[in-house]
Amino acid sequence: MQNDNGDKRAPMRANGERDDALGARTALCGRALKVVIALVALAAVAASVPALARADFPIASLLIYSIGMGFIAIPLLLYHEWLLKRLSQGMGGTSPTA
């Protein structure tokens, strides 16, 4: 009898490579999320500086922060959480619908 372990190890190696790629993508997405949040916060602070000299409420700052977090950071956060879930389950893969 011939024991062919090469065929058994190939799928395991491919899954390991997929998990490594998924881990790298998750780490990149986490860093991108932190950068996006920091940029939105800095833009909101920069927009509020002119209003600090007056007694006005900085509406532009509030809008920048709300829109930036709602339409940029939150979807990125949800994608990052989805990647973390896939990574913790050890599923690998690349598409959100898989």
C-alpha atoms as a PDB file:
ATOM      1  CA  MET A   1       0.000   0.000   0.000  1.00  0.00           C
ATOM      2  CA  GLN A   2       1.234   3.401  -0.859  1.00  0.00           C
ATOM      3  CA  ASN A   3       0.604   6.219   1.604  1.00  0.00           C
ATOM      4  CA  ASP A   4       0.082   9.435  -0.339  1.00  0.00           C
ATOM      5  CA  ASN A   5       0.310  12.222   2.247  1.00  0.00           C
ATOM      6  CA  GLY A   6       1.024  14.866  -0.378  1.00  0.00           C
ATOM      7  CA  ASP A   7      -2.632  15.128  -1.344  1.00  0.00           C
ATOM      8  CA  LYS A   8      -3.725  15.385   2.298  1.00  0.00           C
ATOM      9  CA  ARG A   9      -1.323  18.167   3.162  1.00  0.00           C
ATOM     10  CA  ALA A  10      -2.014  20.360   0.134  1.00  0.00           C
ATOM     11  CA  PRO A  11      -5.494  21.497   1.272  1.00  0.00           C
ATOM     12  CA  MET A  12      -4.187  22.157   4.794  1.00  0.00           C
ATOM     13  CA  ARG A  13      -1.363  24.250   3.382  1.00  0.00           C
ATOM     14  CA  ALA A  14      -3.801  26.179   1.173  1.00  0.00           C
ATOM     15  CA  ASN A  15      -6.085  26.849   4.165  1.00  0.00           C
ATOM     16  CA  GLY A  16      -3.091  28.085   6.164  1.00  0.00           C
ATOM     17  CA  GLU A  17      -2.134  30.446   3.359  1.00  0.00           C
ATOM     18  CA  ARG A  18      -5.725  31.715   3.146  1.00  0.00           C
ATOM     19  CA  ASP A  19      -5.791  32.284   6.913  1.00  0.00           C
ATOM     20  CA  ASP A  20      -2.485  34.172   6.686  1.00  0.00           C
ATOM     21  CA  ALA A  21      -3.858  36.350   3.890  1.00  0.00           C
ATOM     22  CA  LEU A  22      -7.080  36.908   5.833  1.00  0.00           C
ATOM     23  CA  GLY A  23      -5.073  37.839   8.925  1.00  0.00           C
ATOM     24  CA  ALA A  24      -3.026  40.337   6.924  1.00  0.00           C
ATOM     25  CA  ARG A  25      -6.182  41.834   5.410  1.00  0.00           C
ATOM     26  CA  THR A  26      -7.778  42.066   8.873  1.00  0.00           C
ATOM     27  CA  ALA A  27      -4.733  43.832  10.300  1.00  0.00           C
ATOM     28  CA  LEU A  28      -4.655  46.256   7.357  1.00  0.00           C
ATOM     29  CA  CYS A  29      -8.354  46.981   7.737  1.00  0.00           C
ATOM     30  CA  GLY A  30      -7.893  47.611  11.468  1.00  0.00           C
ATOM     31  CA  ARG A  31      -5.104  50.086  10.813  1.00  0.00           C
ATOM     32  CA  ALA A  32      -7.144  51.772   8.073  1.00  0.00           C
ATOM     33  CA  LEU A  33     -10.067  52.064  10.473  1.00  0.00           C
ATOM     34  CA  LYS A  34      -7.902  53.804  13.069  1.00  0.00           C
ATOM     35  CA  VAL A  35      -6.515  56.190  10.437  1.00  0.00           C
ATOM     36  CA  VAL A  36      -9.991  57.021   9.104  1.00  0.00           C
ATOM     37  CA  ILE A  37     -11.326  57.730  12.597  1.00  0.00           C
ATOM     38  CA  ALA A  38      -8.329  59.947  13.348  1.00  0.00           C
ATOM     39  CA  LEU A  39      -8.708  61.854  10.056  1.00  0.00           C
ATOM     40  CA  VAL A  40     -12.435  62.415  10.591  1.00  0.00           C
ATOM     41  CA  ALA A  41     -11.793  63.644  14.129  1.00  0.00           C
ATOM     42  CA  LEU A  42      -9.004  65.971  12.968  1.00  0.00           C
ATOM     43  CA  ALA A  43     -11.195  67.357  10.186  1.00  0.00           C
ATOM     44  CA  ALA A  44     -13.980  68.002  12.695  1.00  0.00           C
ATOM     45  CA  VAL A  45     -11.595  69.765  15.058  1.00  0.00           C
ATOM     46  CA  ALA A  46     -10.169  71.852  12.215  1.00  0.00           C
ATOM     47  CA  ALA A  47     -13.682  72.842  11.157  1.00  0.00           C
ATOM     48  CA  SER A  48     -14.585  73.873  14.704  1.00  0.00           C
ATOM     49  CA  VAL A  49     -11.595  76.177  15.226  1.00  0.00           C
ATOM     50  CA  PRO A  50     -13.198  79.243  13.571  1.00  0.00           C
ATOM     51  CA  ALA A  51     -16.323  78.810  15.702  1.00  0.00           C
ATOM     52  CA  LEU A  52     -14.303  78.748  18.921  1.00  0.00           C
ATOM     53  CA  ALA A  53     -13.593  82.484  18.659  1.00  0.00           C
ATOM     54  CA  ARG A  54     -17.326  83.196  18.498  1.00  0.00           C
ATOM     55  CA  ALA A  55     -20.179  82.027  20.656  1.00  0.00           C
ATOM     56  CA  ASP A  56     -21.578  79.977  17.771  1.00  0.00           C
ATOM     57  CA  PHE A  57     -22.048  76.231  17.874  1.00  0.00           C
ATOM     58  CA  PRO A  58     -19.679  74.585  15.352  1.00  0.00           C
ATOM     59  CA  ILE A  59     -22.306  73.085  13.026  1.00  0.00           C
ATOM     60  CA  ALA A  60     -19.726  72.301  10.312  1.00  0.00           C
ATOM     61  CA  SER A  61     -17.702  70.272  12.803  1.00  0.00           C
ATOM     62  CA  LEU A  62     -20.761  68.300  13.872  1.00  0.00           C
ATOM     63  CA  LEU A  63     -21.702  67.597  10.259  1.00  0.00           C
ATOM     64  CA  ILE A  64     -18.190  66.504   9.305  1.00  0.00           C
ATOM     65  CA  TYR A  65     -17.953  64.190  12.291  1.00  0.00           C
ATOM     66  CA  SER A  66     -21.437  62.706  11.870  1.00  0.00           C
ATOM     67  CA  ILE A  67     -21.180  62.155   8.127  1.00  0.00           C
ATOM     68  CA  GLY A  68     -17.592  60.903   8.313  1.00  0.00           C
ATOM     69  CA  MET A  69     -18.358  58.394  11.050  1.00  0.00           C
ATOM     70  CA  GLY A  70     -21.711  57.340   9.628  1.00  0.00           C
ATOM     71  CA  PHE A  71     -20.755  56.860   6.010  1.00  0.00           C
ATOM     72  CA  ILE A  72     -17.037  56.043   6.163  1.00  0.00           C
ATOM     73  CA  ALA A  73     -15.978  54.700   9.552  1.00  0.00           C
ATOM     74  CA  ILE A  74     -19.014  52.583  10.433  1.00  0.00           C
ATOM     75  CA  PRO A  75     -19.019  50.555   7.167  1.00  0.00           C
ATOM     76  CA  LEU A  76     -15.264  50.054   7.554  1.00  0.00           C
ATOM     77  CA  LEU A  77     -15.822  48.952  11.146  1.00  0.00           C
ATOM     78  CA  LEU A  78     -18.485  46.457  10.080  1.00  0.00           C
ATOM     79  CA  TYR A  79     -16.171  45.031   7.414  1.00  0.00           C
ATOM     80  CA  HIS A  80     -13.366  44.753   9.983  1.00  0.00           C
ATOM     81  CA  GLU A  81     -15.669  42.929  12.403  1.00  0.00           C
ATOM     82  CA  TRP A  82     -16.724  40.574   9.614  1.00  0.00           C
ATOM     83  CA  LEU A  83     -13.064  39.818   8.843  1.00  0.00           C
ATOM     84  CA  LEU A  84     -12.364  39.195  12.526  1.00  0.00           C
ATOM     85  CA  LYS A  85     -15.308  36.808  12.716  1.00  0.00           C
ATOM     86  CA  ARG A  86     -14.114  34.897   9.649  1.00  0.00           C
ATOM     87  CA  LEU A  87     -10.587  34.772  11.056  1.00  0.00           C
ATOM     88  CA  SER A  88     -11.744  33.490  14.436  1.00  0.00           C
ATOM     89  CA  GLN A  89     -13.876  30.804  12.772  1.00  0.00           C
ATOM     90  CA  GLY A  90     -10.919  29.784  10.629  1.00  0.00           C
ATOM     91  CA  MET A  91     -13.030  29.855   7.481  1.00  0.00           C
ATOM     92  CA  GLY A  92     -10.693  31.814   5.256  1.00  0.00           C
ATOM     93  CA  GLY A  93     -12.046  32.998   1.947  1.00  0.00           C
ATOM     94  CA  THR A  94     -12.154  36.403   0.389  1.00  0.00           C
ATOM     95  CA  SER A  95     -15.698  37.452  -0.423  1.00  0.00           C
ATOM     96  CA  PRO A  96     -18.178  38.855   2.121  1.00  0.00           C
ATOM     97  CA  THR A  97     -20.980  36.802   0.566  1.00  0.00           C
ATOM     98  CA  ALA A  98     -19.236  33.450   0.853  1.00  0.00           C
END
